[in-house]
N, C-alpha and C. Protein backbone atom coordinates (compact mmCIF):
# COMPACT_ATOMS: atom_id res chain seq x y z
N MET A 1 125.69 133.99 7.17
CA MET A 1 125.20 132.57 7.79
C MET A 1 123.93 132.57 7.54
N SER A 2 123.61 130.99 6.81
CA SER A 2 122.12 130.94 6.70
C SER A 2 120.94 130.96 8.32
N ASP A 3 119.79 130.94 7.79
CA ASP A 3 119.09 130.38 8.91
C ASP A 3 119.08 129.26 9.89
N ALA A 4 119.25 127.74 9.22
CA ALA A 4 119.59 126.93 9.93
C ALA A 4 120.73 127.21 10.78
N ALA A 5 122.12 127.65 10.09
CA ALA A 5 122.98 127.50 10.87
C ALA A 5 122.81 128.37 12.15
N GLU A 6 122.16 129.20 12.08
CA GLU A 6 121.68 130.19 12.92
C GLU A 6 121.14 129.29 14.32
N THR A 7 120.38 128.87 13.75
CA THR A 7 119.42 127.95 14.76
C THR A 7 120.09 126.97 15.33
N ASP A 8 121.13 126.25 14.54
CA ASP A 8 121.88 125.11 15.10
C ASP A 8 122.89 125.90 15.91
N GLU A 9 122.97 126.90 15.69
CA GLU A 9 123.99 127.50 16.81
C GLU A 9 123.28 127.51 17.84
N ALA A 10 122.46 128.56 17.72
CA ALA A 10 121.25 128.75 19.46
C ALA A 10 120.96 127.52 20.38
N ASP A 11 121.26 126.26 19.28
CA ASP A 11 120.33 125.05 20.23
C ASP A 11 121.88 124.48 20.71
N ARG A 12 123.29 124.59 20.49
CA ARG A 12 124.16 124.11 20.83
C ARG A 12 124.23 124.38 22.21
N PRO A 13 125.23 123.58 23.38
CA PRO A 13 125.23 123.52 24.55
C PRO A 13 126.47 125.08 24.42
N SER A 14 126.39 125.85 25.44
CA SER A 14 127.56 126.92 25.66
C SER A 14 128.31 127.22 27.14
N ALA A 15 129.28 127.45 27.14
CA ALA A 15 129.66 127.86 28.27
C ALA A 15 129.12 128.53 29.61
N HIS A 16 128.74 129.63 28.22
CA HIS A 16 127.62 130.83 29.32
C HIS A 16 126.48 129.96 29.93
N ARG A 17 125.88 129.33 29.26
CA ARG A 17 124.70 128.59 29.84
C ARG A 17 125.34 128.11 31.44
N PHE A 18 126.51 127.27 31.13
CA PHE A 18 126.92 126.77 32.61
C PHE A 18 128.06 127.38 33.28
N ALA A 19 128.02 128.71 33.18
CA ALA A 19 129.20 129.55 33.81
C ALA A 19 129.09 129.59 35.23
N THR A 20 128.11 129.05 35.95
CA THR A 20 128.38 129.09 37.18
C THR A 20 128.10 127.65 37.34
N ALA A 21 128.90 126.66 38.03
CA ALA A 21 129.56 125.62 38.40
C ALA A 21 129.43 125.00 39.65
N HIS A 22 128.72 123.98 40.14
CA HIS A 22 128.85 123.25 41.37
C HIS A 22 129.14 121.94 41.22
N VAL A 23 130.08 121.61 41.61
CA VAL A 23 130.18 119.92 41.79
C VAL A 23 129.37 119.33 42.82
N LEU A 24 128.47 118.42 42.90
CA LEU A 24 128.04 117.42 43.63
C LEU A 24 129.04 116.39 43.36
N VAL A 25 129.27 115.63 44.55
CA VAL A 25 129.36 114.29 44.53
C VAL A 25 128.61 113.27 45.04
N CYS A 26 128.01 112.06 44.63
CA CYS A 26 127.16 111.48 44.99
C CYS A 26 128.16 110.17 45.62
N GLU A 27 127.66 109.33 46.75
CA GLU A 27 128.46 108.61 47.20
C GLU A 27 127.45 107.43 47.85
N ASP A 28 126.37 107.12 47.26
CA ASP A 28 125.64 106.08 47.35
C ASP A 28 125.74 104.39 47.25
N ASP A 29 126.65 104.54 46.74
CA ASP A 29 127.15 103.38 46.31
C ASP A 29 127.72 102.64 47.69
N ALA A 30 127.48 101.43 47.78
CA ALA A 30 128.03 100.80 49.31
C ALA A 30 129.20 100.63 49.47
N ARG A 31 130.45 100.94 48.52
CA ARG A 31 131.76 100.77 48.53
C ARG A 31 132.30 102.08 48.53
N ALA A 32 131.81 103.37 48.89
CA ALA A 32 132.21 104.31 49.03
C ALA A 32 132.87 104.60 49.88
N HIS A 33 133.29 103.84 51.02
CA HIS A 33 134.00 104.29 51.77
C HIS A 33 135.44 103.67 51.40
N LEU A 34 136.01 103.17 50.07
CA LEU A 34 137.09 102.85 49.26
C LEU A 34 137.47 104.06 49.01
N PHE A 35 136.88 105.43 48.63
CA PHE A 35 137.31 106.54 48.28
C PHE A 35 137.09 107.31 49.39
N GLY A 36 137.91 107.14 50.32
CA GLY A 36 138.15 108.10 51.57
C GLY A 36 138.58 109.61 51.26
N VAL A 37 139.79 109.70 50.22
CA VAL A 37 140.11 110.47 49.54
C VAL A 37 139.36 111.41 48.89
N LEU A 38 138.24 110.98 48.10
CA LEU A 38 137.42 111.84 47.52
C LEU A 38 136.34 112.94 48.52
N ARG A 39 136.12 111.63 49.93
CA ARG A 39 135.31 112.38 50.62
C ARG A 39 135.66 113.37 51.52
N GLU A 40 137.43 113.10 51.74
CA GLU A 40 137.61 113.85 52.85
C GLU A 40 138.32 115.38 51.80
N SER A 41 138.18 115.36 50.66
CA SER A 41 138.82 116.51 49.92
C SER A 41 137.79 116.72 49.45
N ALA A 42 136.34 116.61 49.11
CA ALA A 42 135.43 117.00 48.41
C ALA A 42 135.01 118.76 48.86
N ALA A 43 134.95 118.88 50.18
CA ALA A 43 134.89 119.92 50.41
C ALA A 43 135.83 121.23 50.70
N GLU A 44 137.20 120.45 50.41
CA GLU A 44 138.44 121.25 50.55
C GLU A 44 138.44 122.01 49.08
N HIS A 45 137.57 121.25 47.73
CA HIS A 45 137.61 121.65 46.57
C HIS A 45 136.52 122.23 46.41
N GLY A 46 135.49 122.57 47.28
CA GLY A 46 134.61 123.41 47.06
C GLY A 46 133.12 122.36 46.53
N ALA A 47 133.35 120.67 46.71
CA ALA A 47 132.54 119.96 46.28
C ALA A 47 131.09 119.65 47.20
N ARG A 48 130.47 119.29 47.17
CA ARG A 48 129.25 119.11 48.15
C ARG A 48 128.65 117.49 48.31
N ARG A 49 128.64 116.83 48.84
CA ARG A 49 128.35 115.47 49.02
C ARG A 49 126.84 115.51 49.12
N VAL A 50 125.99 114.84 48.32
CA VAL A 50 124.65 114.91 48.33
C VAL A 50 124.07 113.04 47.88
N THR A 51 123.04 113.08 47.96
CA THR A 51 122.61 111.70 47.44
C THR A 51 122.13 111.44 45.75
N LEU A 52 122.05 110.44 45.18
CA LEU A 52 121.68 110.46 43.52
C LEU A 52 120.71 110.98 43.26
N ASP A 53 119.64 110.99 43.99
CA ASP A 53 118.44 111.62 44.08
C ASP A 53 118.13 112.97 43.76
N GLU A 54 119.21 113.74 44.77
CA GLU A 54 119.21 114.95 45.16
C GLU A 54 120.11 115.56 43.55
N LEU A 55 121.48 114.74 43.60
CA LEU A 55 122.25 115.18 42.48
C LEU A 55 121.40 115.61 41.03
N LEU A 56 120.57 114.33 40.92
CA LEU A 56 119.96 114.28 39.44
C LEU A 56 119.04 115.57 39.78
N GLY A 57 118.18 115.34 40.66
CA GLY A 57 117.33 116.96 40.57
C GLY A 57 117.83 118.38 40.45
N SER A 58 119.21 118.51 40.73
CA SER A 58 119.66 119.86 40.83
C SER A 58 120.86 120.04 39.99
N SER A 59 120.90 119.40 39.10
CA SER A 59 122.24 119.35 37.97
C SER A 59 121.71 119.19 36.66
N SER A 60 122.28 120.71 35.94
CA SER A 60 121.97 120.90 34.67
C SER A 60 122.87 120.05 33.48
N VAL A 61 124.18 119.08 34.54
CA VAL A 61 125.03 118.41 33.31
C VAL A 61 125.28 117.12 34.76
N VAL A 62 124.69 115.94 34.17
CA VAL A 62 125.01 115.03 35.08
C VAL A 62 126.14 114.06 34.37
N VAL A 63 127.28 113.66 35.19
CA VAL A 63 128.61 112.92 34.33
C VAL A 63 128.16 111.54 35.22
N LEU A 64 128.63 110.65 34.39
CA LEU A 64 128.31 108.99 35.11
C LEU A 64 129.82 108.86 35.23
N ALA A 65 130.56 108.38 36.01
CA ALA A 65 131.92 107.71 36.11
C ALA A 65 131.63 106.55 37.01
N ALA A 66 131.24 105.73 36.96
CA ALA A 66 130.93 104.31 38.11
C ALA A 66 131.26 103.08 37.07
N ALA A 67 131.93 102.37 38.01
CA ALA A 67 132.09 100.81 37.64
C ALA A 67 130.18 100.13 37.39
N LEU A 68 130.67 99.15 36.67
CA LEU A 68 129.14 98.51 36.59
C LEU A 68 128.81 97.56 37.26
N THR A 69 128.48 97.41 38.47
CA THR A 69 128.09 96.24 39.23
C THR A 69 126.93 95.94 39.40
N PRO A 70 126.35 94.82 40.23
CA PRO A 70 125.35 94.47 40.67
C PRO A 70 124.29 95.66 41.28
N GLU A 71 124.96 96.33 42.18
CA GLU A 71 124.46 97.39 42.88
C GLU A 71 124.31 98.87 41.70
N THR A 72 125.23 98.81 40.42
CA THR A 72 124.91 99.89 39.46
C THR A 72 123.81 99.60 38.68
N ARG A 73 123.93 98.55 38.11
CA ARG A 73 123.01 98.13 37.07
C ARG A 73 121.75 98.67 36.86
N GLY A 74 121.46 99.11 36.24
CA GLY A 74 120.11 100.19 35.94
C GLY A 74 119.85 101.01 37.06
N MET A 75 121.07 101.73 37.77
CA MET A 75 120.89 102.94 38.54
C MET A 75 119.80 104.25 38.36
N LEU A 76 120.16 104.19 37.02
CA LEU A 76 119.23 105.50 36.43
C LEU A 76 118.56 104.76 35.72
N ASP A 77 117.43 104.81 36.42
CA ASP A 77 116.07 103.91 35.51
C ASP A 77 114.84 105.17 35.18
N ALA A 78 113.53 104.85 35.00
CA ALA A 78 112.56 105.99 34.67
C ALA A 78 112.56 106.91 35.82
N ARG A 79 112.26 106.31 36.97
CA ARG A 79 112.01 107.02 38.23
C ARG A 79 113.39 108.34 38.11
N ARG A 80 114.47 107.61 38.12
CA ARG A 80 115.53 108.37 38.59
C ARG A 80 115.64 109.56 37.08
N LEU A 81 115.37 109.25 36.03
CA LEU A 81 116.05 110.09 34.99
C LEU A 81 115.07 110.99 35.00
N ALA A 82 113.37 110.93 35.45
CA ALA A 82 112.52 111.86 35.49
C ALA A 82 112.81 112.82 36.55
N LEU A 83 114.04 112.71 37.56
CA LEU A 83 114.32 113.71 38.19
C LEU A 83 115.14 115.05 37.67
N MET A 84 115.67 114.34 36.76
CA MET A 84 116.65 115.50 36.08
C MET A 84 115.91 116.59 35.18
N GLU A 85 116.13 117.55 35.80
CA GLU A 85 115.66 119.11 35.38
C GLU A 85 115.68 119.24 33.52
N ASP A 86 114.43 119.36 33.52
CA ASP A 86 114.25 119.58 31.71
C ASP A 86 115.44 120.64 31.23
N GLY A 87 115.70 119.83 29.91
CA GLY A 87 117.09 120.70 29.37
C GLY A 87 118.62 120.08 29.96
N ALA A 88 118.66 119.05 30.91
CA ALA A 88 119.81 118.63 31.17
C ALA A 88 120.44 117.85 30.51
N TYR A 89 121.74 118.02 30.67
CA TYR A 89 122.50 116.71 29.65
C TYR A 89 122.88 115.70 30.86
N LEU A 90 123.17 114.52 30.19
CA LEU A 90 123.72 113.28 30.59
C LEU A 90 124.90 112.78 30.09
N VAL A 91 126.15 112.49 30.52
CA VAL A 91 127.27 112.78 29.76
C VAL A 91 127.56 110.79 30.64
N ASN A 92 127.54 109.61 29.75
CA ASN A 92 128.02 108.66 30.38
C ASN A 92 129.55 107.73 29.70
N VAL A 93 130.41 108.12 30.83
CA VAL A 93 131.89 107.86 30.14
C VAL A 93 132.07 106.72 30.73
N ALA A 94 130.74 105.91 31.98
CA ALA A 94 131.14 104.83 32.43
C ALA A 94 130.83 103.42 31.74
N ARG A 95 129.82 102.85 31.96
CA ARG A 95 129.34 101.59 31.72
C ARG A 95 127.86 101.74 31.05
N GLY A 96 127.85 101.40 29.73
CA GLY A 96 126.30 101.40 29.67
C GLY A 96 125.46 100.81 30.66
N GLY A 97 125.47 99.80 30.99
CA GLY A 97 124.52 99.34 31.73
C GLY A 97 123.80 99.73 32.93
N ILE A 98 124.50 101.20 33.38
CA ILE A 98 123.79 102.12 34.56
C ILE A 98 122.91 102.62 33.66
N ILE A 99 122.39 102.81 32.86
CA ILE A 99 121.37 103.29 32.33
C ILE A 99 120.30 102.58 31.89
N GLU A 100 119.17 102.56 32.59
CA GLU A 100 118.13 101.61 31.50
C GLU A 100 117.82 102.13 30.28
N MET A 101 118.25 101.23 29.15
CA MET A 101 118.16 102.13 27.72
C MET A 101 116.84 102.34 27.66
N ASP A 102 115.90 101.39 27.81
CA ASP A 102 114.53 101.66 27.51
C ASP A 102 113.70 103.00 28.03
N ALA A 103 114.28 103.47 29.46
CA ALA A 103 114.03 104.71 29.96
C ALA A 103 114.68 106.03 29.22
N LEU A 104 115.97 105.85 28.89
CA LEU A 104 116.75 106.89 28.48
C LEU A 104 116.05 106.96 27.15
N LEU A 105 115.98 105.62 26.32
CA LEU A 105 115.24 106.14 24.96
C LEU A 105 113.72 107.06 24.95
N ALA A 106 112.96 106.92 26.12
CA ALA A 106 111.62 107.46 26.20
C ALA A 106 112.11 108.73 26.82
N GLU A 107 113.07 109.26 27.42
CA GLU A 107 113.22 110.54 27.59
C GLU A 107 113.99 111.82 26.48
N LEU A 108 114.71 110.76 25.96
CA LEU A 108 115.50 111.36 24.57
C LEU A 108 114.49 111.68 23.33
N ARG A 109 113.46 110.53 23.03
CA ARG A 109 112.59 110.96 22.23
C ARG A 109 112.29 111.97 22.81
N SER A 110 111.27 112.33 24.05
CA SER A 110 110.61 113.40 24.62
C SER A 110 111.36 114.52 24.19
N GLY A 111 112.92 114.79 23.78
CA GLY A 111 113.52 116.12 23.88
C GLY A 111 113.70 117.00 25.34
N ARG A 112 113.41 116.14 26.39
CA ARG A 112 113.61 116.87 27.41
C ARG A 112 114.65 116.52 28.24
N LEU A 113 115.93 115.63 27.60
CA LEU A 113 117.30 115.25 28.06
C LEU A 113 118.12 115.24 26.75
N THR A 114 119.24 115.69 26.68
CA THR A 114 120.53 115.46 25.64
C THR A 114 121.95 114.35 26.21
N ALA A 115 121.95 113.84 25.43
CA ALA A 115 122.93 112.53 26.23
C ALA A 115 124.03 112.68 25.07
N ALA A 116 125.38 112.45 26.03
CA ALA A 116 126.14 112.44 25.00
C ALA A 116 126.52 110.89 25.54
N LEU A 117 127.07 110.11 24.78
CA LEU A 117 127.39 108.46 25.34
C LEU A 117 128.76 107.72 24.38
N ASP A 118 129.25 107.53 25.36
CA ASP A 118 130.65 106.91 24.51
C ASP A 118 130.34 104.90 24.89
N VAL A 119 129.36 104.72 25.85
CA VAL A 119 128.87 103.15 25.99
C VAL A 119 127.50 103.07 25.80
N THR A 120 126.87 101.91 25.52
CA THR A 120 125.63 101.55 25.47
C THR A 120 125.73 100.34 25.75
N ASP A 121 124.08 100.07 26.42
CA ASP A 121 124.00 98.48 26.59
C ASP A 121 122.83 98.31 26.72
N PRO A 122 122.37 97.17 25.52
CA PRO A 122 123.16 95.86 25.74
C PRO A 122 124.11 96.35 24.27
N LEU A 123 124.18 96.85 23.53
CA LEU A 123 124.76 96.62 22.17
C LEU A 123 125.99 97.94 22.36
N GLU A 124 126.90 97.11 22.02
CA GLU A 124 127.98 98.37 21.88
C GLU A 124 129.16 97.32 20.85
N PRO A 125 129.30 97.86 19.91
CA PRO A 125 129.03 99.32 19.36
C PRO A 125 127.53 98.99 18.92
N LEU A 126 126.79 99.99 18.23
CA LEU A 126 125.20 100.07 18.41
C LEU A 126 125.14 99.56 17.04
N PRO A 127 124.45 99.13 16.56
CA PRO A 127 124.31 98.62 15.14
C PRO A 127 123.82 100.29 14.19
N ALA A 128 124.47 100.20 13.16
CA ALA A 128 123.90 101.90 11.92
C ALA A 128 122.43 102.11 12.20
N ASP A 129 121.75 101.08 12.56
CA ASP A 129 120.20 101.44 12.22
C ASP A 129 119.65 101.38 13.73
N HIS A 130 120.22 101.61 14.77
CA HIS A 130 119.90 101.84 15.93
C HIS A 130 119.13 103.45 16.24
N GLU A 131 118.12 103.45 17.13
CA GLU A 131 117.20 104.72 17.08
C GLU A 131 118.43 105.59 17.98
N LEU A 132 119.10 105.57 18.46
CA LEU A 132 119.83 106.16 19.21
C LEU A 132 120.72 107.37 18.07
N ARG A 133 121.14 106.70 17.02
CA ARG A 133 121.86 107.05 15.74
C ARG A 133 121.07 108.36 15.34
N GLY A 134 119.87 107.92 15.68
CA GLY A 134 119.14 109.34 14.78
C GLY A 134 118.42 110.47 15.43
N LEU A 135 118.82 110.36 16.37
CA LEU A 135 118.08 111.37 17.51
C LEU A 135 118.77 112.58 17.92
N PRO A 136 118.31 113.67 17.03
CA PRO A 136 119.08 114.98 17.26
C PRO A 136 119.61 115.74 18.55
N ASN A 137 119.32 115.16 19.72
CA ASN A 137 119.49 115.53 21.00
C ASN A 137 120.44 113.83 21.65
N VAL A 138 121.11 113.72 20.79
CA VAL A 138 122.50 112.32 21.11
C VAL A 138 123.79 112.82 20.68
N TYR A 139 124.58 112.78 21.48
CA TYR A 139 125.81 112.44 20.98
C TYR A 139 126.75 111.51 21.19
N LEU A 140 127.18 110.67 19.78
CA LEU A 140 127.79 109.51 20.27
C LEU A 140 129.30 109.44 19.90
N THR A 141 130.25 108.76 20.82
CA THR A 141 131.11 108.58 20.61
C THR A 141 131.92 107.36 20.72
N PRO A 142 132.80 106.94 20.26
CA PRO A 142 133.57 105.60 20.33
C PRO A 142 133.80 105.53 21.86
N HIS A 143 133.94 104.56 22.29
CA HIS A 143 134.59 104.12 23.39
C HIS A 143 135.84 103.50 23.36
N VAL A 144 136.90 104.52 23.59
CA VAL A 144 138.52 103.98 23.32
C VAL A 144 139.00 104.92 24.55
N ALA A 145 138.64 104.85 25.51
CA ALA A 145 139.85 105.15 26.80
C ALA A 145 140.99 104.93 26.82
N ALA A 146 141.76 105.63 26.92
CA ALA A 146 143.23 105.76 27.03
C ALA A 146 143.92 105.17 25.78
N GLY A 147 143.15 105.43 24.73
CA GLY A 147 143.58 105.24 23.31
C GLY A 147 144.63 105.92 22.90
N GLY A 148 145.28 106.85 23.27
CA GLY A 148 146.19 107.52 22.73
C GLY A 148 147.72 107.10 22.62
N VAL A 149 148.61 107.11 21.66
CA VAL A 149 149.66 106.40 21.48
C VAL A 149 150.71 106.60 22.65
N GLU A 150 150.84 107.99 23.11
CA GLU A 150 151.58 108.29 24.76
C GLU A 150 150.63 107.16 25.97
N VAL A 151 149.72 107.05 25.85
CA VAL A 151 149.01 106.26 27.09
C VAL A 151 149.33 105.07 26.92
N ARG A 152 149.33 104.60 25.66
CA ARG A 152 149.83 102.91 25.25
C ARG A 152 151.15 102.78 25.66
N ALA A 153 151.61 103.53 25.46
CA ALA A 153 153.10 103.17 25.59
C ALA A 153 153.33 103.32 27.24
N ALA A 154 152.65 104.33 27.80
CA ALA A 154 153.00 104.06 29.27
C ALA A 154 152.36 102.61 30.15
N MET A 155 151.59 102.60 29.37
CA MET A 155 150.80 100.86 30.06
C MET A 155 151.80 100.06 29.76
N GLY A 156 152.20 100.19 28.78
CA GLY A 156 153.44 98.98 28.15
C GLY A 156 154.63 98.86 29.15
N ALA A 157 154.99 100.27 29.24
CA ALA A 157 156.26 100.45 30.24
C ALA A 157 155.78 99.99 31.36
N GLU A 158 154.99 100.16 32.12
CA GLU A 158 154.25 99.86 33.26
C GLU A 158 154.06 98.42 33.37
N ALA A 159 153.70 97.91 31.99
CA ALA A 159 153.63 96.12 32.50
C ALA A 159 155.22 95.86 32.51
N VAL A 160 156.07 96.55 31.76
CA VAL A 160 157.41 95.52 31.60
C VAL A 160 157.68 95.57 33.14
N GLU A 161 157.50 96.75 33.56
CA GLU A 161 158.28 97.52 35.10
C GLU A 161 157.61 96.17 35.83
N GLU A 162 156.25 95.71 35.84
CA GLU A 162 156.01 95.05 37.01
C GLU A 162 156.62 93.41 36.64
N VAL A 163 156.47 93.46 35.39
CA VAL A 163 157.60 91.79 35.39
C VAL A 163 159.01 91.84 35.76
N VAL A 164 159.70 92.90 35.33
CA VAL A 164 160.87 93.26 36.14
C VAL A 164 160.69 92.82 37.39
N ARG A 165 159.83 93.55 38.14
CA ARG A 165 159.82 93.70 39.95
C ARG A 165 159.29 92.31 40.54
N PHE A 166 158.51 91.44 39.41
CA PHE A 166 158.51 89.99 39.79
C PHE A 166 159.40 89.39 39.86
N PHE A 167 160.30 89.38 38.64
CA PHE A 167 161.70 88.59 38.87
C PHE A 167 163.04 89.24 39.94
N ARG A 168 162.24 90.10 40.18
CA ARG A 168 163.58 90.73 41.39
C ARG A 168 162.79 89.96 42.62
N GLY A 169 161.68 89.50 42.89
CA GLY A 169 161.11 89.08 44.13
C GLY A 169 160.50 90.05 44.96
N GLU A 170 160.30 91.10 44.15
CA GLU A 170 159.65 92.55 44.70
C GLU A 170 158.31 92.52 44.62
N PRO A 171 157.23 93.39 45.74
CA PRO A 171 155.85 93.06 45.48
C PRO A 171 155.47 94.05 44.27
N PRO A 172 153.94 93.25 43.59
CA PRO A 172 153.78 94.73 42.39
C PRO A 172 153.18 96.03 43.04
N ARG A 173 153.78 96.99 42.03
CA ARG A 173 153.22 98.13 42.28
C ARG A 173 151.56 98.44 42.22
N ASN A 174 151.43 97.32 41.36
CA ASN A 174 149.57 97.57 40.78
C ASN A 174 148.96 96.30 41.20
N ARG A 175 148.67 95.73 42.18
CA ARG A 175 148.46 94.36 42.43
C ARG A 175 146.61 94.18 42.51
N VAL A 176 146.43 93.43 41.92
CA VAL A 176 145.07 92.94 41.60
C VAL A 176 144.79 91.88 42.21
N THR A 177 143.65 91.91 43.14
CA THR A 177 143.13 90.75 44.27
C THR A 177 142.25 90.06 43.25
N ARG A 178 141.75 88.77 43.47
CA ARG A 178 140.54 88.18 42.87
C ARG A 178 139.41 88.61 43.51
N GLU A 179 139.38 89.38 44.58
CA GLU A 179 138.32 90.72 45.05
C GLU A 179 137.78 91.15 44.45
N MET A 180 138.87 92.21 43.84
CA MET A 180 139.27 93.12 43.20
C MET A 180 138.69 92.98 41.86
N LEU A 181 139.02 92.05 41.47
CA LEU A 181 138.60 91.83 40.09
C LEU A 181 137.10 91.47 39.90
N ALA A 182 136.64 90.80 40.76
CA ALA A 182 135.38 90.20 40.46
C ALA A 182 134.65 91.49 40.71
N ARG A 183 134.90 92.92 41.21
CA ARG A 183 133.91 93.81 41.03
C ARG A 183 134.60 94.98 40.11
N MET A 184 135.29 94.79 39.26
CA MET A 184 135.93 95.79 38.10
C MET A 184 135.21 95.26 36.98
N THR A 185 135.13 96.41 36.43
CA THR A 185 134.36 96.39 34.86
C THR A 185 135.11 97.01 33.84
């Protein structure tokens, strides 16, 4: 193995580094009451509920999974990103607009954080010459949630079943109201 390969291997994240994991759940969002099951089962599954600032300041890996709403747009700004531990990993599988791009770029340029992103904002997909593509501490993946053949087939079958239910005069199983639609991303 070459010296370069050994260095690359040493710099990669490993399961050993994250051998002790704690699940922290942040429910700062005003709509958190909608996720009552999460609240009730957090302690049962060994998770602890904390504020977003506490979560950011005490986690070596932060995974974002939130809807993009007026309340969450820019939620991870320069102040909040600065709360993250040196060497922490930020994984965004939610929406790009949750993180302020300029603040994220500043942290990534410094080398203090590593990011794995399958979403970006305001540009998605990123242009070929975008700075994120050249940073060694950034992992970019295409945003193809539910892209597998099996998932697509299941989605199609569910849609057909909803149409059948409609023509039988039955209520939809997966009803989306105007209010719900206005809050979805």
